[in-house]
N, C-alpha and C. Protein backbone atom coordinates (compact mmCIF):
# COMPACT_ATOMS: atom_id res chain seq x y z
N MET A 1 2.90 18.00 -0.78
CA MET A 1 3.83 17.17 0.02
C MET A 1 4.88 16.61 -1.02
N LYS A 2 5.92 16.53 -0.59
CA LYS A 2 7.28 15.93 -1.34
C LYS A 2 7.05 14.42 -1.66
N LYS A 3 7.81 13.96 -2.59
CA LYS A 3 7.77 12.65 -3.08
C LYS A 3 8.33 11.71 -2.00
N GLU A 4 9.28 12.10 -1.37
CA GLU A 4 10.07 11.60 -0.45
C GLU A 4 9.53 11.36 0.70
N ASN A 5 8.49 12.24 1.20
CA ASN A 5 7.67 12.21 2.43
C ASN A 5 6.70 11.09 2.19
N ALA A 6 6.02 11.10 0.93
CA ALA A 6 5.02 9.95 0.64
C ALA A 6 5.60 8.62 0.57
N ILE A 7 6.79 8.48 0.21
CA ILE A 7 7.42 7.23 0.21
C ILE A 7 7.91 6.74 1.43
N SER A 8 8.28 7.68 2.42
CA SER A 8 8.49 7.40 3.76
C SER A 8 7.44 7.09 4.60
N ILE A 9 6.41 7.66 4.51
CA ILE A 9 5.30 7.22 5.18
C ILE A 9 4.63 5.97 4.71
N ALA A 10 4.62 5.84 3.42
CA ALA A 10 4.02 4.62 2.81
C ALA A 10 4.95 3.28 3.29
N ALA A 11 6.27 3.52 3.27
CA ALA A 11 7.19 2.58 3.81
C ALA A 11 6.93 2.32 5.28
N ALA A 12 6.77 3.20 6.18
CA ALA A 12 6.49 2.85 7.57
C ALA A 12 5.13 2.31 7.76
N MET A 13 4.26 2.28 6.74
CA MET A 13 3.08 1.55 6.95
C MET A 13 3.13 0.17 6.31
N GLY A 14 4.23 -0.22 5.75
CA GLY A 14 4.61 -1.58 5.31
C GLY A 14 4.30 -1.89 3.67
N PHE A 15 4.32 -0.56 2.99
CA PHE A 15 4.36 -0.71 1.57
C PHE A 15 5.69 -0.45 1.00
N LYS A 16 5.87 -0.89 -0.30
CA LYS A 16 7.35 -0.48 -0.96
C LYS A 16 6.85 -0.06 -2.18
N LEU A 17 7.73 0.91 -2.63
CA LEU A 17 7.58 1.70 -3.98
C LEU A 17 7.42 0.63 -5.15
N ASP A 18 6.52 0.78 -6.03
CA ASP A 18 6.33 -0.30 -7.25
C ASP A 18 6.48 0.44 -8.55
N TYR A 19 5.87 1.56 -8.83
CA TYR A 19 5.75 2.42 -9.95
C TYR A 19 5.72 4.03 -9.69
N ASP A 20 6.60 4.69 -10.17
CA ASP A 20 6.56 6.17 -9.82
C ASP A 20 6.22 6.97 -11.05
N GLN A 21 5.18 7.62 -10.90
CA GLN A 21 4.48 8.49 -11.99
C GLN A 21 4.32 10.04 -11.37
N TRP A 22 4.95 10.21 -10.41
CA TRP A 22 4.80 11.52 -9.47
C TRP A 22 5.31 12.72 -10.50
N ASP A 23 6.18 12.73 -11.21
CA ASP A 23 6.76 13.84 -11.91
C ASP A 23 6.00 13.94 -13.43
N ILE A 24 5.33 13.10 -13.77
CA ILE A 24 4.69 12.81 -15.09
C ILE A 24 3.55 13.82 -15.00
N GLU A 25 3.48 14.82 -16.02
CA GLU A 25 2.34 15.54 -16.09
C GLU A 25 1.12 14.78 -16.59
N ASP A 26 0.01 15.28 -15.69
CA ASP A 26 -1.49 14.56 -15.90
C ASP A 26 -1.44 13.24 -15.24
N LYS A 27 -0.39 12.78 -14.60
CA LYS A 27 -0.61 11.60 -13.76
C LYS A 27 -0.33 11.96 -12.27
N ASN A 28 0.78 12.42 -11.76
CA ASN A 28 1.13 12.91 -10.48
C ASN A 28 0.70 11.69 -9.23
N TRP A 29 1.17 10.46 -9.59
CA TRP A 29 0.77 9.54 -8.44
C TRP A 29 2.32 8.61 -8.33
N ILE A 30 1.99 7.99 -7.18
CA ILE A 30 3.11 6.87 -7.05
C ILE A 30 2.16 5.47 -6.67
N ARG A 31 2.82 4.45 -7.21
CA ARG A 31 2.10 3.19 -6.62
C ARG A 31 2.92 2.40 -5.80
N PHE A 32 2.32 1.92 -4.65
CA PHE A 32 2.82 1.11 -3.75
C PHE A 32 2.51 -0.21 -3.70
N VAL A 33 3.15 -1.26 -3.33
CA VAL A 33 2.52 -2.65 -3.10
C VAL A 33 3.03 -3.05 -1.72
N LEU A 34 2.34 -4.01 -1.01
CA LEU A 34 2.59 -4.29 0.30
C LEU A 34 4.07 -5.07 0.48
N SER A 35 4.77 -4.76 1.34
CA SER A 35 5.95 -5.55 1.61
C SER A 35 6.04 -6.96 1.40
N ASN A 36 4.86 -7.57 2.13
CA ASN A 36 4.73 -8.89 2.17
C ASN A 36 4.08 -9.62 0.85
N ASP A 37 5.07 -10.03 0.19
CA ASP A 37 4.81 -10.50 -1.30
C ASP A 37 3.44 -11.52 -1.36
N ASP A 38 3.23 -12.27 -0.09
CA ASP A 38 2.13 -13.27 -0.02
C ASP A 38 0.84 -12.51 -0.08
N LEU A 39 0.76 -11.37 0.25
CA LEU A 39 -0.46 -10.50 0.23
C LEU A 39 -0.50 -9.74 -0.91
N ASP A 40 0.18 -9.86 -1.87
CA ASP A 40 0.18 -9.03 -3.13
C ASP A 40 -0.94 -9.34 -3.95
N GLU A 41 -1.92 -8.44 -4.30
CA GLU A 41 -2.86 -8.43 -5.30
C GLU A 41 -3.21 -7.15 -5.79
N LYS A 42 -3.88 -7.24 -6.83
CA LYS A 42 -4.17 -5.81 -7.47
C LYS A 42 -5.05 -4.79 -6.49
N ASN A 43 -5.84 -5.42 -5.79
CA ASN A 43 -6.80 -4.53 -4.91
C ASN A 43 -5.93 -3.95 -3.67
N PHE A 44 -4.86 -4.52 -3.46
CA PHE A 44 -4.06 -4.01 -2.29
C PHE A 44 -2.80 -3.02 -2.76
N ARG A 45 -2.95 -2.52 -3.86
CA ARG A 45 -1.86 -1.53 -4.30
C ARG A 45 -2.39 -0.27 -4.01
N LEU A 46 -1.65 0.55 -3.42
CA LEU A 46 -1.82 1.81 -2.82
C LEU A 46 -1.50 2.73 -3.88
N ILE A 47 -2.20 3.64 -4.47
CA ILE A 47 -1.99 4.65 -5.49
C ILE A 47 -1.88 6.01 -4.51
N TRP A 48 -0.82 6.77 -4.39
CA TRP A 48 -0.76 7.91 -3.59
C TRP A 48 -0.64 8.98 -4.65
N TYR A 49 -1.70 9.99 -4.60
CA TYR A 49 -1.94 10.85 -5.41
C TYR A 49 -1.29 12.26 -4.93
N LYS A 50 -0.49 12.95 -5.80
CA LYS A 50 0.21 14.12 -5.39
C LYS A 50 -0.81 15.07 -5.03
N ASP A 51 -1.68 15.25 -5.57
CA ASP A 51 -2.70 16.41 -5.46
C ASP A 51 -3.76 16.09 -4.47
N ASP A 52 -3.79 14.87 -3.95
CA ASP A 52 -4.82 14.60 -2.89
C ASP A 52 -4.29 14.99 -1.46
N SER A 53 -5.05 15.22 -0.72
CA SER A 53 -4.70 15.53 0.80
C SER A 53 -3.95 14.28 1.36
N ILE A 54 -3.16 14.46 2.33
CA ILE A 54 -2.40 13.49 3.23
C ILE A 54 -3.76 12.61 3.93
N GLU A 55 -4.55 13.44 4.24
CA GLU A 55 -5.90 12.31 4.88
C GLU A 55 -6.62 11.41 3.92
N GLN A 56 -6.84 11.91 2.55
CA GLN A 56 -7.16 11.29 1.58
C GLN A 56 -6.22 9.92 1.34
N ASN A 57 -5.08 10.37 1.12
CA ASN A 57 -4.12 9.11 0.78
C ASN A 57 -3.91 8.30 2.15
N LEU A 58 -3.88 8.72 3.27
CA LEU A 58 -3.83 7.82 4.62
C LEU A 58 -5.12 7.07 4.54
N LYS A 59 -6.32 7.49 4.21
CA LYS A 59 -7.57 6.57 4.32
C LYS A 59 -7.46 5.56 3.21
N ARG A 60 -6.84 5.74 2.20
CA ARG A 60 -6.73 4.69 1.13
C ARG A 60 -5.74 3.49 1.82
N ALA A 61 -4.85 4.08 2.31
CA ALA A 61 -3.59 3.09 2.84
C ALA A 61 -4.20 2.37 3.99
N ALA A 62 -5.11 2.95 4.77
CA ALA A 62 -5.67 2.31 6.05
C ALA A 62 -6.63 1.18 5.48
N ASN A 63 -7.42 1.55 4.61
CA ASN A 63 -8.55 0.43 4.03
C ASN A 63 -7.61 -0.66 3.50
N ILE A 64 -6.72 -0.38 2.74
CA ILE A 64 -5.81 -1.51 2.08
C ILE A 64 -5.37 -2.36 3.23
N LEU A 65 -4.57 -1.80 4.23
CA LEU A 65 -3.89 -2.66 5.43
C LEU A 65 -5.18 -3.29 5.97
N PHE A 66 -6.20 -2.78 6.27
CA PHE A 66 -7.44 -3.55 7.08
C PHE A 66 -7.63 -4.84 6.14
N LYS A 67 -7.83 -4.72 4.91
CA LYS A 67 -8.34 -5.78 4.03
C LYS A 67 -7.15 -6.86 3.90
N ALA A 68 -5.89 -6.34 3.84
CA ALA A 68 -4.90 -7.14 3.98
C ALA A 68 -4.72 -7.96 5.14
N GLY A 69 -4.99 -7.44 6.18
CA GLY A 69 -4.99 -7.94 7.50
C GLY A 69 -5.89 -9.21 7.65
N GLN A 70 -7.10 -8.81 7.05
CA GLN A 70 -8.28 -9.90 6.97
C GLN A 70 -7.56 -10.94 6.17
N LYS A 71 -7.02 -10.86 5.17
CA LYS A 71 -6.57 -11.97 4.27
C LYS A 71 -5.46 -12.73 5.01
N ALA A 72 -4.48 -11.93 5.63
CA ALA A 72 -3.45 -12.62 6.25
C ALA A 72 -4.18 -13.60 7.53
N LYS A 73 -5.00 -12.97 8.12
CA LYS A 73 -5.67 -13.95 9.25
C LYS A 73 -6.41 -15.18 8.57
N ILE A 74 -6.94 -15.12 7.49
CA ILE A 74 -7.60 -16.21 6.77
C ILE A 74 -6.48 -17.08 6.43
N GLN A 75 -5.40 -16.62 5.81
CA GLN A 75 -4.21 -17.59 5.48
C GLN A 75 -3.73 -18.40 6.66
N GLN A 76 -3.54 -17.48 7.74
CA GLN A 76 -3.24 -18.26 9.19
C GLN A 76 -4.20 -19.28 9.55
N ILE A 77 -5.41 -18.98 9.35
CA ILE A 77 -6.43 -20.03 10.00
C ILE A 77 -6.45 -21.22 8.95
N ASN A 78 -6.12 -20.99 7.67
CA ASN A 78 -6.02 -22.20 6.85
C ASN A 78 -4.66 -22.99 6.89
N GLU A 79 -3.87 -22.54 7.75
CA GLU A 79 -2.45 -23.31 7.71
C GLU A 79 -2.68 -24.48 8.50
N TYR A 80 -1.99 -25.64 8.03
CA TYR A 80 -1.94 -26.78 8.91
C TYR A 80 -0.77 -26.51 9.92
N ILE A 81 -0.85 -27.01 10.94
CA ILE A 81 0.12 -27.08 11.93
C ILE A 81 0.69 -28.45 12.10
N TYR A 82 1.90 -28.64 12.02
CA TYR A 82 2.75 -29.86 12.33
C TYR A 82 2.92 -30.26 13.51
N LEU A 83 2.45 -31.25 14.07
CA LEU A 83 2.62 -31.85 15.44
C LEU A 83 3.74 -32.67 15.65
């Protein structure tokens, strides 16, 4: 997969490019963070590995998005509503 394709897919899923190690020998990955800064935490950073299949990379992304959705719901529940 080309780097541009990985970036495009991740962006469509709500991630933004954070750290690029795609062309570095022995690294071959890109790190993405969620576009919503309120949900940013270390566990929600997607590492897209050049040598992994698209299925493996998408599985990692889906797991992150699921957990981030749970965190967003908890934040929403804990918000006070002004009447």
